[in-house]
Amino acid sequence: MMTYLNNIQFAYPLVFWFLLTIPVLVAYYIWKHNYLSSEVVMPSPWSGQKMPFTSYKTILNHVFFGTRMIVLGLLIAILARPESTVNWKNVTKEGIDIMITLDISSSMLSKDFSPNRVEAAKKSLKNLSIHARKTKLAW
């Protein structure tokens, strides 16, 4: 895995400067949350202490914000266009490329060839694959 990560370079590495917006957004989120939050004072028999109250909506807001920041970081990495530096080698061979499609509908079960058209087509395709060694066949 680590050797694969060593072979990655980025087409636009300057895009990573946009990652600096994430700490700014996190700082703004924390400041806004602290500034706009309020404390709920619950009546208590224990000398009127303030009891912290956190609802599930507040927790979900934090989770959603964290998820958005992760997605933003990943989008910035995608915009930098990671590329693999693994070398490719072009190989030239003699022969042709053939793409074969075969109709297997019920009309191919007609008995004008023995035993039927599908079996005759299979037989001729086997014969073709034996005789065409330098040819690339796709089924």
C-alpha atoms as a PDB file:
ATOM      1  CA  MET A   1       0.000   0.000   0.000  1.00  0.00           C
ATOM      2  CA  MET A   2       2.736   2.450   0.892  1.00  0.00           C
ATOM      3  CA  THR A   3       4.612   1.794  -2.342  1.00  0.00           C
ATOM      4  CA  TYR A   4       1.449   2.678  -4.244  1.00  0.00           C
ATOM      5  CA  LEU A   5       1.140   5.961  -2.351  1.00  0.00           C
ATOM      6  CA  ASN A   6       4.748   6.803  -3.246  1.00  0.00           C
ATOM      7  CA  ASN A   7       3.782   6.686  -6.935  1.00  0.00           C
ATOM      8  CA  ILE A   8       1.132   9.406  -6.689  1.00  0.00           C
ATOM      9  CA  GLN A   9       1.659  12.973  -7.803  1.00  0.00           C
ATOM     10  CA  PHE A  10      -0.842  15.782  -8.293  1.00  0.00           C
ATOM     11  CA  ALA A  11      -1.606  17.703 -11.465  1.00  0.00           C
ATOM     12  CA  TYR A  12      -2.576  20.853  -9.515  1.00  0.00           C
ATOM     13  CA  PRO A  13      -0.761  20.777  -6.155  1.00  0.00           C
ATOM     14  CA  LEU A  14      -1.510  24.457  -5.483  1.00  0.00           C
ATOM     15  CA  VAL A  15      -5.150  23.522  -4.919  1.00  0.00           C
ATOM     16  CA  PHE A  16      -4.107  22.139  -1.530  1.00  0.00           C
ATOM     17  CA  TRP A  17      -3.827  25.723  -0.288  1.00  0.00           C
ATOM     18  CA  PHE A  18      -7.623  25.645  -0.115  1.00  0.00           C
ATOM     19  CA  LEU A  19      -7.273  23.181   2.765  1.00  0.00           C
ATOM     20  CA  LEU A  20      -6.446  26.208   4.915  1.00  0.00           C
ATOM     21  CA  THR A  21     -10.102  27.188   4.721  1.00  0.00           C
ATOM     22  CA  ILE A  22     -11.067  24.150   6.825  1.00  0.00           C
ATOM     23  CA  PRO A  23      -9.465  25.369  10.090  1.00  0.00           C
ATOM     24  CA  VAL A  24     -10.986  28.797   9.472  1.00  0.00           C
ATOM     25  CA  LEU A  25     -14.431  27.235   9.025  1.00  0.00           C
ATOM     26  CA  VAL A  26     -13.956  25.096  12.151  1.00  0.00           C
ATOM     27  CA  ALA A  27     -12.917  28.147  14.184  1.00  0.00           C
ATOM     28  CA  TYR A  28     -15.945  30.085  12.930  1.00  0.00           C
ATOM     29  CA  TYR A  29     -18.222  27.148  13.746  1.00  0.00           C
ATOM     30  CA  ILE A  30     -16.871  26.912  17.304  1.00  0.00           C
ATOM     31  CA  TRP A  31     -17.129  30.671  17.811  1.00  0.00           C
ATOM     32  CA  LYS A  32     -20.681  30.743  16.447  1.00  0.00           C
ATOM     33  CA  HIS A  33     -21.696  27.753  18.556  1.00  0.00           C
ATOM     34  CA  ASN A  34     -20.276  29.301  21.753  1.00  0.00           C
ATOM     35  CA  TYR A  35     -21.724  32.736  20.997  1.00  0.00           C
ATOM     36  CA  LEU A  36     -25.215  31.557  20.082  1.00  0.00           C
ATOM     37  CA  SER A  37     -25.578  28.760  22.618  1.00  0.00           C
ATOM     38  CA  SER A  38     -27.466  29.206  25.829  1.00  0.00           C
ATOM     39  CA  GLU A  39     -27.520  27.349  29.076  1.00  0.00           C
ATOM     40  CA  VAL A  40     -30.639  25.779  30.443  1.00  0.00           C
ATOM     41  CA  VAL A  41     -31.098  26.267  34.151  1.00  0.00           C
ATOM     42  CA  MET A  42     -33.019  23.387  35.632  1.00  0.00           C
ATOM     43  CA  PRO A  43     -34.569  23.735  39.051  1.00  0.00           C
ATOM     44  CA  SER A  44     -32.632  21.492  41.334  1.00  0.00           C
ATOM     45  CA  PRO A  45     -32.759  20.650  44.997  1.00  0.00           C
ATOM     46  CA  TRP A  46     -28.959  20.898  44.974  1.00  0.00           C
ATOM     47  CA  SER A  47     -28.456  24.619  45.516  1.00  0.00           C
ATOM     48  CA  GLY A  48     -29.612  25.766  42.081  1.00  0.00           C
ATOM     49  CA  GLN A  49     -26.660  24.387  40.137  1.00  0.00           C
ATOM     50  CA  LYS A  50     -26.688  24.786  36.367  1.00  0.00           C
ATOM     51  CA  MET A  51     -27.104  21.409  34.790  1.00  0.00           C
ATOM     52  CA  PRO A  52     -25.701  20.997  31.290  1.00  0.00           C
ATOM     53  CA  PHE A  53     -28.254  19.899  28.760  1.00  0.00           C
ATOM     54  CA  THR A  54     -27.258  18.591  25.324  1.00  0.00           C
ATOM     55  CA  SER A  55     -29.908  17.428  22.914  1.00  0.00           C
ATOM     56  CA  TYR A  56     -29.413  14.870  20.188  1.00  0.00           C
ATOM     57  CA  LYS A  57     -29.975  17.636  17.618  1.00  0.00           C
ATOM     58  CA  THR A  58     -26.913  19.490  18.874  1.00  0.00           C
ATOM     59  CA  ILE A  59     -24.816  16.344  18.693  1.00  0.00           C
ATOM     60  CA  LEU A  60     -26.095  15.603  15.162  1.00  0.00           C
ATOM     61  CA  ASN A  61     -25.257  19.169  14.105  1.00  0.00           C
ATOM     62  CA  HIS A  62     -21.660  18.608  15.241  1.00  0.00           C
ATOM     63  CA  VAL A  63     -21.491  15.248  13.436  1.00  0.00           C
ATOM     64  CA  PHE A  64     -22.902  16.741  10.228  1.00  0.00           C
ATOM     65  CA  PHE A  65     -20.468  19.648  10.389  1.00  0.00           C
ATOM     66  CA  GLY A  66     -17.532  17.265  10.857  1.00  0.00           C
ATOM     67  CA  THR A  67     -18.750  15.165   7.938  1.00  0.00           C
ATOM     68  CA  ARG A  68     -19.009  18.269   5.757  1.00  0.00           C
ATOM     69  CA  MET A  69     -15.438  19.251   6.621  1.00  0.00           C
ATOM     70  CA  ILE A  70     -14.174  15.771   5.721  1.00  0.00           C
ATOM     71  CA  VAL A  71     -16.058  15.886   2.416  1.00  0.00           C
ATOM     72  CA  LEU A  72     -14.678  19.361   1.703  1.00  0.00           C
ATOM     73  CA  GLY A  73     -11.142  18.083   2.291  1.00  0.00           C
ATOM     74  CA  LEU A  74     -11.736  15.133  -0.019  1.00  0.00           C
ATOM     75  CA  LEU A  75     -13.187  17.403  -2.722  1.00  0.00           C
ATOM     76  CA  ILE A  76     -10.122  19.601  -2.532  1.00  0.00           C
ATOM     77  CA  ALA A  77      -7.926  16.509  -2.913  1.00  0.00           C
ATOM     78  CA  ILE A  78     -10.007  15.453  -5.923  1.00  0.00           C
ATOM     79  CA  LEU A  79      -9.607  18.895  -7.500  1.00  0.00           C
ATOM     80  CA  ALA A  80      -5.826  18.512  -7.170  1.00  0.00           C
ATOM     81  CA  ARG A  81      -6.163  15.546  -9.575  1.00  0.00           C
ATOM     82  CA  PRO A  82      -4.038  12.751  -8.136  1.00  0.00           C
ATOM     83  CA  GLU A  83      -2.192  10.823 -10.836  1.00  0.00           C
ATOM     84  CA  SER A  84      -0.265   7.589 -10.748  1.00  0.00           C
ATOM     85  CA  THR A  85       3.314   7.674 -11.958  1.00  0.00           C
ATOM     86  CA  VAL A  86       3.418   3.991 -12.785  1.00  0.00           C
ATOM     87  CA  ASN A  87       4.875   3.595 -16.272  1.00  0.00           C
ATOM     88  CA  TRP A  88       2.870   1.947 -18.996  1.00  0.00           C
ATOM     89  CA  LYS A  89       4.422   0.022 -21.822  1.00  0.00           C
ATOM     90  CA  ASN A  90       2.851  -0.089 -25.260  1.00  0.00           C
ATOM     91  CA  VAL A  91       3.081  -3.491 -26.897  1.00  0.00           C
ATOM     92  CA  THR A  92       2.383  -3.995 -30.581  1.00  0.00           C
ATOM     93  CA  LYS A  93       1.282  -7.371 -31.883  1.00  0.00           C
ATOM     94  CA  GLU A  94       0.189  -8.663 -35.202  1.00  0.00           C
ATOM     95  CA  GLY A  95      -3.401  -9.700 -35.596  1.00  0.00           C
ATOM     96  CA  ILE A  96      -6.817  -8.155 -35.472  1.00  0.00           C
ATOM     97  CA  ASP A  97      -9.390  -7.554 -32.795  1.00  0.00           C
ATOM     98  CA  ILE A  98     -12.720  -9.305 -33.186  1.00  0.00           C
ATOM     99  CA  MET A  99     -15.832  -8.718 -31.083  1.00  0.00           C
ATOM    100  CA  ILE A 100     -18.332 -11.575 -31.272  1.00  0.00           C
ATOM    101  CA  THR A 101     -21.964 -11.345 -30.256  1.00  0.00           C
ATOM    102  CA  LEU A 102     -24.342 -14.269 -30.341  1.00  0.00           C
ATOM    103  CA  ASP A 103     -28.110 -14.183 -30.503  1.00  0.00           C
ATOM    104  CA  ILE A 104     -29.557 -16.628 -27.977  1.00  0.00           C
ATOM    105  CA  SER A 105     -33.233 -15.897 -28.494  1.00  0.00           C
ATOM    106  CA  SER A 106     -35.773 -18.645 -29.111  1.00  0.00           C
ATOM    107  CA  SER A 107     -35.432 -18.227 -32.899  1.00  0.00           C
ATOM    108  CA  MET A 108     -31.931 -19.712 -32.611  1.00  0.00           C
ATOM    109  CA  LEU A 109     -33.487 -23.028 -31.531  1.00  0.00           C
ATOM    110  CA  SER A 110     -34.783 -23.672 -35.019  1.00  0.00           C
ATOM    111  CA  LYS A 111     -33.653 -27.011 -36.484  1.00  0.00           C
ATOM    112  CA  ASP A 112     -32.309 -25.859 -39.870  1.00  0.00           C
ATOM    113  CA  PHE A 113     -28.772 -26.712 -38.626  1.00  0.00           C
ATOM    114  CA  SER A 114     -28.023 -29.831 -36.675  1.00  0.00           C
ATOM    115  CA  PRO A 115     -28.791 -29.957 -33.752  1.00  0.00           C
ATOM    116  CA  ASN A 116     -29.828 -26.247 -33.742  1.00  0.00           C
ATOM    117  CA  ARG A 117     -28.427 -22.821 -34.646  1.00  0.00           C
ATOM    118  CA  VAL A 118     -26.952 -22.135 -31.189  1.00  0.00           C
ATOM    119  CA  GLU A 119     -24.921 -25.355 -31.144  1.00  0.00           C
ATOM    120  CA  ALA A 120     -23.756 -24.756 -34.729  1.00  0.00           C
ATOM    121  CA  ALA A 121     -22.634 -21.216 -33.791  1.00  0.00           C
ATOM    122  CA  LYS A 122     -20.766 -22.537 -30.737  1.00  0.00           C
ATOM    123  CA  LYS A 123     -19.009 -25.133 -32.875  1.00  0.00           C
ATOM    124  CA  SER A 124     -17.926 -22.581 -35.468  1.00  0.00           C
ATOM    125  CA  LEU A 125     -16.728 -20.158 -32.743  1.00  0.00           C
ATOM    126  CA  LYS A 126     -14.603 -22.906 -31.172  1.00  0.00           C
ATOM    127  CA  ASN A 127     -13.127 -23.576 -34.596  1.00  0.00           C
ATOM    128  CA  LEU A 128     -12.428 -19.853 -35.060  1.00  0.00           C
ATOM    129  CA  SER A 129     -10.715 -19.547 -31.666  1.00  0.00           C
ATOM    130  CA  ILE A 130      -8.471 -22.542 -32.444  1.00  0.00           C
ATOM    131  CA  HIS A 131      -7.336 -21.189 -35.832  1.00  0.00           C
ATOM    132  CA  ALA A 132      -7.000 -17.501 -34.873  1.00  0.00           C
ATOM    133  CA  ARG A 133      -4.160 -17.628 -32.336  1.00  0.00           C
ATOM    134  CA  LYS A 134      -2.814 -14.091 -32.963  1.00  0.00           C
ATOM    135  CA  THR A 135      -6.246 -12.535 -32.929  1.00  0.00           C
ATOM    136  CA  LYS A 136      -7.829 -10.996 -29.844  1.00  0.00           C
ATOM    137  CA  LEU A 137     -11.372 -12.301 -29.433  1.00  0.00           C
ATOM    138  CA  ALA A 138     -14.012 -10.782 -27.189  1.00  0.00           C
ATOM    139  CA  TRP A 139     -17.177 -12.687 -26.361  1.00  0.00           C
END
